[in-house]
Amino acid sequence: KYGTLILSFHLKEFGDLKAALCAYNAGRANAKKWLKDKRYSKDSKTIDVIPIKETDEYVKRVYLAKEVYKKLYNDEINKRNEVIK
């Protein structure tokens, strides 16, 4: 639960999933530093290049898991949304 809470704070602060995941794994200070550095962020809003290998691999694993969950549960989510409408 604590990890989910921290990630939600990062999502609110950074407004971008990739940056929030970087902050969660490598720390807020690193994510903020990367957003200010043109080598890592073209627009200062998203992180294009993650300079720490462990964090880069972590972010890739989370995005892969997200895609797997979408494929597994997309129909169920759509059905629930139809009931709500």
Protein backbone atom coordinates (compact mmCIF):
# COMPACT_ATOMS: atom_id res chain seq x y z
CA LYS A 1 0.00 0.00 0.00
CA TYR A 2 2.84 2.36 0.86
CA GLY A 3 4.46 1.90 -2.55
CA THR A 4 1.16 2.68 -4.27
CA LEU A 5 0.79 5.83 -2.18
CA ILE A 6 4.30 7.02 -3.02
CA LEU A 7 3.79 6.33 -6.74
CA SER A 8 0.52 8.30 -6.66
CA PHE A 9 2.37 11.28 -5.15
CA HIS A 10 4.97 11.04 -7.92
CA LEU A 11 2.26 10.86 -10.58
CA LYS A 12 0.65 14.02 -9.22
CA GLU A 13 3.98 15.83 -8.97
CA PHE A 14 5.42 14.88 -12.36
CA GLY A 15 2.24 14.40 -14.39
CA ASP A 16 3.95 11.73 -16.49
CA LEU A 17 4.03 8.00 -15.80
CA LYS A 18 7.60 7.47 -17.01
CA ALA A 19 8.96 10.36 -14.91
CA ALA A 20 6.95 9.15 -11.90
CA LEU A 21 8.37 5.64 -12.26
CA CYS A 22 11.88 7.07 -12.52
CA ALA A 23 11.28 9.07 -9.34
CA TYR A 24 9.93 6.00 -7.59
CA ASN A 25 12.92 3.86 -8.54
CA ALA A 26 15.84 6.33 -8.66
CA GLY A 27 14.51 9.08 -6.40
CA ARG A 28 12.76 12.41 -6.95
CA ALA A 29 16.03 14.35 -7.09
CA ASN A 30 17.34 12.25 -9.96
CA ALA A 31 14.07 12.47 -11.90
CA LYS A 32 14.00 16.26 -11.47
CA LYS A 33 17.65 16.50 -12.52
CA TRP A 34 17.01 14.41 -15.65
CA LEU A 35 14.02 16.55 -16.61
CA LYS A 36 16.21 19.67 -16.51
CA ASP A 37 18.99 18.09 -18.58
CA LYS A 38 18.53 18.24 -22.39
CA ARG A 39 20.54 15.00 -22.72
CA TYR A 40 17.71 13.16 -20.98
CA SER A 41 14.61 15.28 -21.62
CA LYS A 42 13.80 17.26 -24.75
CA ASP A 43 10.80 19.08 -23.30
CA SER A 44 11.50 19.10 -19.53
CA LYS A 45 8.22 17.20 -19.01
CA THR A 46 9.08 13.65 -20.04
CA ILE A 47 12.26 11.64 -19.62
CA ASP A 48 13.45 10.39 -23.00
CA VAL A 49 16.70 8.71 -21.88
CA ILE A 50 17.13 7.11 -18.47
CA PRO A 51 20.82 7.19 -17.56
CA ILE A 52 20.69 4.55 -14.80
CA LYS A 53 20.47 1.03 -16.26
CA GLU A 54 18.56 -0.41 -13.28
CA THR A 55 15.92 2.33 -13.51
CA ASP A 56 15.67 1.99 -17.29
CA GLU A 57 15.06 -1.75 -16.93
CA TYR A 58 12.55 -1.17 -14.12
CA VAL A 59 10.53 1.28 -16.24
CA LYS A 60 10.56 -1.14 -19.19
CA ARG A 61 9.31 -3.98 -16.96
CA VAL A 62 6.47 -1.84 -15.60
CA TYR A 63 5.39 -0.78 -19.10
CA LEU A 64 5.50 -4.42 -20.25
CA ALA A 65 3.38 -5.50 -17.29
CA LYS A 66 0.94 -2.68 -18.03
CA GLU A 67 0.50 -3.96 -21.60
CA VAL A 68 0.01 -7.53 -20.40
CA TYR A 69 -2.67 -6.42 -17.91
CA LYS A 70 -4.40 -4.38 -20.62
CA LYS A 71 -4.60 -7.44 -22.87
CA LEU A 72 -5.77 -9.68 -20.06
CA TYR A 73 -8.37 -7.36 -18.58
CA ASN A 74 -9.38 -4.93 -21.33
CA ASP A 75 -12.66 -6.72 -22.10
CA GLU A 76 -13.59 -6.84 -18.42
CA ILE A 77 -12.84 -3.13 -17.99
CA ASN A 78 -14.88 -2.25 -21.07
CA LYS A 79 -17.83 -4.28 -19.77
CA ARG A 80 -17.70 -2.45 -16.42
CA ASN A 81 -17.57 0.91 -18.19
CA GLU A 82 -20.65 0.02 -20.23
CA VAL A 83 -22.57 -0.85 -17.05
CA ILE A 84 -21.62 2.52 -15.53
CA LYS A 85 -22.87 4.44 -18.57
